[in-house]
Amino acid sequence: MLNIAMFGASGRMGRTIVPLVAESGDLRLSGALAAAEDAHIGHDAGVVAGTAPLAVSITSDPGHALEGAQVAIDFTLPAASLAHAQQCLVRKVPLVIGTTGHDEPTLAGIAKIAESMAIVMAPNMSLGVNLLFKLAELGARALDAEYDVEIFEAHHRHKVDAPSGTALGLGRAVARGRGTTLAEAAEYVRHGATGPRRRGTIGFSVVRGGDIVGDHRVIFAGPGEQIELAHHAQDRSGFARGALAAARWVAGRPPGLYSMMDVLGL
């Protein structure tokens, strides 16, 4: 039985993951964390997630949440990820980070911690999305710059970062396929008299509205044809199952910053 500490237990992803942990035959929820101001502090994590009581109270103390844990899963806020990783390092608990929207200093700090412990970090934990990353890279490698690339993404109105971490991951995959970097090729804003599209750019289109779980498309628009790769999330269970697959995989791994590509063997 693998003991899991859930960081962000009262959030959308936490409430999706906790029941799957309870239903599994090989995982056990050992701790649950939420922000200090969260109304669910002190409540049973299972009840908050809409399942049977699990005798695990949600706490605001990361150290308490990590007691007895063998792996931690983090779906909180970007500003909290580095502190959570540091707490895991102190207790030698491998970490799966599903949070997105980190700034460069935070990413550098997480990479530094990964020199001493195993961390799986990915812009999207869905198995299908990670296959899409690979297909986007292969498509970009096969199709030359005559094919303009546009990445479309749509999410619910509460999402705070844009483009999504998944869209940026797709952009990085396309850039790798074309032998460049996203920093060099990305085009995030179009407004007014923009002129013709620059050759080789990777464009982004963003929608925020309603309760959209997550839609992503990579469009290769070329001479006389258009190729689309797409993933449509119907609910959050795909992301949750991927996070649990990562948790099972990372337990006992040597230090390093791993991705879902490592988990999937891609």
Protein backbone atom coordinates (compact mmCIF):
# COMPACT_ATOMS: atom_id res chain seq x y z
CA MET A 1 0.00 0.00 0.00
CA LEU A 2 1.41 3.37 -1.09
CA ASN A 3 0.62 6.29 1.25
CA ILE A 4 -0.36 9.50 -0.57
CA ALA A 5 -0.39 13.07 0.79
CA MET A 6 -2.77 15.26 -1.23
CA PHE A 7 -1.82 18.94 -1.41
CA GLY A 8 -4.88 20.90 -2.52
CA ALA A 9 -7.32 18.32 -1.16
CA SER A 10 -10.32 20.68 -1.24
CA GLY A 11 -9.71 21.94 -4.79
CA ARG A 12 -11.18 20.65 -8.04
CA MET A 13 -8.36 18.20 -8.68
CA GLY A 14 -8.01 17.18 -5.05
CA ARG A 15 -11.69 16.29 -4.84
CA THR A 16 -11.28 14.20 -8.00
CA ILE A 17 -8.12 12.40 -6.88
CA VAL A 18 -9.15 11.56 -3.30
CA PRO A 19 -12.05 9.21 -4.29
CA LEU A 20 -9.80 7.43 -6.81
CA VAL A 21 -7.23 6.85 -4.06
CA ALA A 22 -9.98 5.47 -1.82
CA GLU A 23 -11.25 3.16 -4.58
CA SER A 24 -7.82 1.80 -5.52
CA GLY A 25 -6.49 -1.39 -4.04
CA ASP A 26 -2.90 -0.19 -3.74
CA LEU A 27 -3.13 3.43 -2.54
CA ARG A 28 -4.05 5.02 0.79
CA LEU A 29 -4.66 8.68 1.63
CA SER A 30 -2.35 9.46 4.55
CA GLY A 31 -2.58 13.26 4.61
CA ALA A 32 -4.50 16.17 3.11
CA LEU A 33 -3.52 19.83 2.84
CA ALA A 34 -5.35 23.06 2.04
CA ALA A 35 -4.59 26.76 2.48
CA ALA A 36 -4.92 28.17 5.98
CA GLU A 37 -7.97 30.26 5.04
CA ASP A 38 -9.80 27.31 3.44
CA ALA A 39 -13.23 26.64 4.95
CA HIS A 40 -12.58 22.86 4.86
CA ILE A 41 -9.70 22.87 7.35
CA GLY A 42 -10.41 20.21 10.00
CA HIS A 43 -12.97 18.40 7.83
CA ASP A 44 -12.56 14.81 6.68
CA ALA A 45 -10.94 14.75 3.22
CA GLY A 46 -13.20 11.93 2.06
CA VAL A 47 -16.38 13.76 3.03
CA VAL A 48 -15.15 16.96 1.34
CA ALA A 49 -14.51 14.92 -1.84
CA GLY A 50 -18.01 13.44 -1.72
CA THR A 51 -17.01 9.93 -0.73
CA ALA A 52 -17.01 7.96 2.53
CA PRO A 53 -15.06 9.31 5.54
CA LEU A 54 -11.37 8.40 5.34
CA ALA A 55 -10.31 9.42 8.87
CA VAL A 56 -7.91 11.98 7.35
CA SER A 57 -8.57 15.58 8.34
CA ILE A 58 -7.56 18.41 6.03
CA THR A 59 -4.80 20.49 7.59
CA SER A 60 -3.00 23.71 6.71
CA ASP A 61 0.33 22.34 8.04
CA PRO A 62 2.40 20.69 5.26
CA GLY A 63 4.52 18.84 7.81
CA HIS A 64 1.44 17.26 9.38
CA ALA A 65 0.03 16.37 5.95
CA LEU A 66 3.29 14.61 5.07
CA GLU A 67 3.42 12.41 8.17
CA GLY A 68 3.62 8.80 6.99
CA ALA A 69 3.47 9.77 3.30
CA GLN A 70 5.52 7.95 0.67
CA VAL A 71 4.52 10.28 -2.20
CA ALA A 72 2.89 13.73 -2.27
CA ILE A 73 0.70 15.09 -5.06
CA ASP A 74 0.47 18.89 -5.46
CA PHE A 75 -2.47 20.59 -7.18
CA THR A 76 -2.47 23.95 -5.41
CA LEU A 77 -1.26 27.37 -6.58
CA PRO A 78 2.01 28.23 -8.35
CA ALA A 79 3.19 30.41 -5.47
CA ALA A 80 2.97 27.45 -3.06
CA SER A 81 4.75 24.78 -5.12
CA LEU A 82 8.30 25.67 -4.13
CA ALA A 83 7.52 25.74 -0.40
CA HIS A 84 5.75 22.39 -0.71
CA ALA A 85 8.71 20.90 -2.57
CA GLN A 86 11.03 22.12 0.18
CA GLN A 87 8.84 20.46 2.81
CA CYS A 88 8.95 17.21 0.82
CA LEU A 89 12.74 17.45 0.55
CA VAL A 90 13.10 17.76 4.33
CA ARG A 91 11.00 14.61 4.79
CA LYS A 92 12.41 12.77 1.73
CA VAL A 93 8.96 12.34 0.16
CA PRO A 94 8.90 12.20 -3.68
CA LEU A 95 6.56 14.73 -5.24
CA VAL A 96 4.18 14.90 -8.21
CA ILE A 97 3.45 18.50 -9.26
CA GLY A 98 0.37 19.04 -11.39
CA THR A 99 0.13 22.77 -10.68
CA THR A 100 0.90 25.04 -13.65
CA GLY A 101 1.64 28.74 -14.17
CA HIS A 102 5.00 28.87 -12.35
CA ASP A 103 7.39 31.73 -12.98
CA GLU A 104 11.03 31.14 -13.94
CA PRO A 105 12.52 31.56 -10.43
CA THR A 106 10.06 28.99 -9.06
CA LEU A 107 10.86 26.54 -11.85
CA ALA A 108 14.58 27.00 -11.16
CA GLY A 109 14.01 26.38 -7.46
CA ILE A 110 12.06 23.19 -8.13
CA ALA A 111 14.78 21.98 -10.51
CA LYS A 112 17.37 22.60 -7.79
CA ILE A 113 15.39 20.56 -5.26
CA ALA A 114 15.06 17.76 -7.83
CA GLU A 115 18.83 17.32 -7.67
CA SER A 116 18.23 15.78 -4.23
CA MET A 117 14.83 14.09 -4.60
CA ALA A 118 12.54 12.67 -7.27
CA ILE A 119 9.93 15.05 -8.70
CA VAL A 120 7.50 14.41 -11.55
CA MET A 121 6.32 17.70 -13.04
CA ALA A 122 4.19 18.11 -16.14
CA PRO A 123 1.98 20.81 -17.66
CA ASN A 124 -0.75 18.18 -17.86
CA MET A 125 -1.06 14.80 -16.14
CA SER A 126 -3.53 13.30 -18.62
CA LEU A 127 -2.19 10.26 -20.45
CA GLY A 128 -3.97 11.37 -23.62
CA VAL A 129 -2.56 14.90 -23.48
CA ASN A 130 0.96 13.57 -23.06
CA LEU A 131 0.46 11.45 -26.16
CA LEU A 132 -0.70 14.67 -27.86
CA PHE A 133 2.59 16.34 -26.86
CA LYS A 134 4.50 13.62 -28.68
CA LEU A 135 2.27 13.76 -31.76
CA ALA A 136 2.63 17.56 -31.90
CA GLU A 137 6.43 17.24 -31.87
CA LEU A 138 6.35 14.58 -34.60
CA GLY A 139 3.98 16.67 -36.70
CA ALA A 140 6.19 19.75 -36.41
CA ARG A 141 9.22 17.70 -37.38
CA ALA A 142 7.48 16.31 -40.48
CA LEU A 143 5.86 19.56 -41.70
CA ASP A 144 8.02 22.52 -42.69
CA ALA A 145 7.47 26.22 -41.98
CA GLU A 146 4.99 26.45 -44.88
CA TYR A 147 2.59 25.03 -42.29
CA ASP A 148 1.61 27.72 -39.80
CA VAL A 149 1.02 26.40 -36.28
CA GLU A 150 -1.78 27.66 -34.07
CA ILE A 151 -2.46 26.29 -30.60
CA PHE A 152 -6.01 26.73 -29.32
CA GLU A 153 -7.06 26.16 -25.73
CA ALA A 154 -10.26 26.69 -23.73
CA HIS A 155 -10.86 26.43 -19.98
CA HIS A 156 -13.40 27.40 -17.31
CA ARG A 157 -13.77 31.00 -16.19
CA HIS A 158 -11.90 30.42 -12.92
CA LYS A 159 -8.55 29.48 -14.48
CA VAL A 160 -6.03 32.18 -13.61
CA ASP A 161 -3.15 31.59 -16.06
CA ALA A 162 -3.17 31.96 -19.85
CA PRO A 163 -2.16 30.35 -22.07
CA SER A 164 -2.62 27.17 -20.08
CA GLY A 165 0.37 25.12 -19.03
CA THR A 166 -0.80 22.44 -21.44
CA ALA A 167 -0.92 24.90 -24.35
CA LEU A 168 2.58 26.07 -23.52
CA GLY A 169 3.70 22.43 -23.32
CA LEU A 170 2.29 21.87 -26.79
CA GLY A 171 4.12 24.97 -27.98
CA ARG A 172 7.39 23.67 -26.57
CA ALA A 173 6.78 20.31 -28.27
CA VAL A 174 6.23 22.02 -31.64
CA ALA A 175 9.32 24.18 -31.12
CA ARG A 176 11.42 21.08 -30.37
CA GLY A 177 10.15 19.45 -33.53
CA ARG A 178 11.25 22.49 -35.53
CA GLY A 179 14.63 22.87 -33.86
CA THR A 180 13.84 26.15 -32.14
CA THR A 181 12.54 27.37 -28.77
CA LEU A 182 9.14 28.64 -27.75
CA ALA A 183 10.70 31.90 -26.60
CA GLU A 184 11.90 32.53 -30.16
CA ALA A 185 8.77 31.41 -32.00
CA ALA A 186 5.75 32.20 -29.81
CA GLU A 187 3.18 34.81 -30.77
CA TYR A 188 0.75 35.41 -27.92
CA VAL A 189 -1.05 38.65 -28.84
CA ARG A 190 -2.77 39.89 -31.99
CA HIS A 191 -4.60 43.19 -32.05
CA GLY A 192 -5.08 45.88 -34.67
CA ALA A 193 -3.08 46.08 -37.88
CA THR A 194 -0.72 43.16 -37.21
CA GLY A 195 0.39 42.68 -40.81
CA PRO A 196 0.93 39.26 -42.38
CA ARG A 197 1.87 36.34 -40.16
CA ARG A 198 5.59 35.89 -39.59
CA ARG A 199 6.90 32.66 -41.05
CA GLY A 200 7.65 29.96 -38.47
CA THR A 201 5.71 31.49 -35.58
CA ILE A 202 3.66 29.45 -33.11
CA GLY A 203 0.41 31.28 -32.37
CA PHE A 204 -1.85 30.92 -29.34
CA SER A 205 -5.61 31.41 -29.04
CA VAL A 206 -7.27 31.37 -25.60
CA VAL A 207 -10.87 31.04 -24.43
CA ARG A 208 -12.05 31.38 -20.81
CA GLY A 209 -15.67 30.72 -19.99
CA GLY A 210 -18.28 28.68 -18.21
CA ASP A 211 -17.22 25.33 -16.79
CA ILE A 212 -15.09 24.08 -19.71
CA VAL A 213 -12.80 21.39 -18.28
CA GLY A 214 -10.13 21.69 -20.95
CA ASP A 215 -9.95 21.67 -24.76
CA HIS A 216 -6.67 21.78 -26.70
CA ARG A 217 -5.97 21.76 -30.43
CA VAL A 218 -2.80 22.01 -32.48
CA ILE A 219 -3.53 23.26 -35.99
CA PHE A 220 -1.03 22.92 -38.85
CA ALA A 221 -2.40 25.22 -41.59
CA GLY A 222 -0.50 24.66 -44.80
CA PRO A 223 -0.88 25.15 -48.55
CA GLY A 224 -4.13 23.50 -49.60
CA GLU A 225 -4.67 21.50 -46.39
CA GLN A 226 -5.05 21.70 -42.63
CA ILE A 227 -4.09 19.08 -40.05
CA GLU A 228 -5.52 19.16 -36.52
CA LEU A 229 -4.52 17.26 -33.39
CA ALA A 230 -7.01 17.60 -30.54
CA HIS A 231 -7.79 16.55 -26.99
CA HIS A 232 -11.11 17.24 -25.25
CA ALA A 233 -11.37 16.56 -21.52
CA GLN A 234 -14.89 15.49 -20.56
CA ASP A 235 -14.11 15.64 -16.84
CA ARG A 236 -11.06 15.77 -14.57
CA SER A 237 -10.72 12.02 -14.05
CA GLY A 238 -8.16 11.67 -16.86
CA PHE A 239 -5.86 14.18 -15.17
CA ALA A 240 -6.38 12.48 -11.81
CA ARG A 241 -5.59 8.99 -13.11
CA GLY A 242 -2.45 10.31 -14.74
CA ALA A 243 -1.34 11.92 -11.47
CA LEU A 244 -1.84 8.63 -9.64
CA ALA A 245 0.11 6.77 -12.34
CA ALA A 246 2.92 9.29 -11.78
CA ALA A 247 2.74 8.77 -8.01
CA ARG A 248 3.07 5.02 -8.38
CA TRP A 249 5.98 5.47 -10.81
CA VAL A 250 7.99 8.04 -8.83
CA ALA A 251 8.02 6.13 -5.54
CA GLY A 252 11.56 4.87 -4.98
CA ARG A 253 13.05 6.68 -8.00
CA PRO A 254 16.47 8.33 -7.73
CA PRO A 255 16.66 12.14 -7.58
CA GLY A 256 15.73 13.93 -10.77
CA LEU A 257 13.15 16.15 -12.43
CA TYR A 258 10.96 13.77 -14.42
CA SER A 259 8.06 14.34 -16.81
CA MET A 260 5.01 12.34 -17.80
CA MET A 261 7.03 11.28 -20.85
CA ASP A 262 9.29 9.40 -18.42
CA VAL A 263 6.27 7.91 -16.66
CA LEU A 264 4.82 6.73 -19.99
CA GLY A 265 8.14 5.62 -21.45
CA LEU A 266 7.82 8.05 -24.37
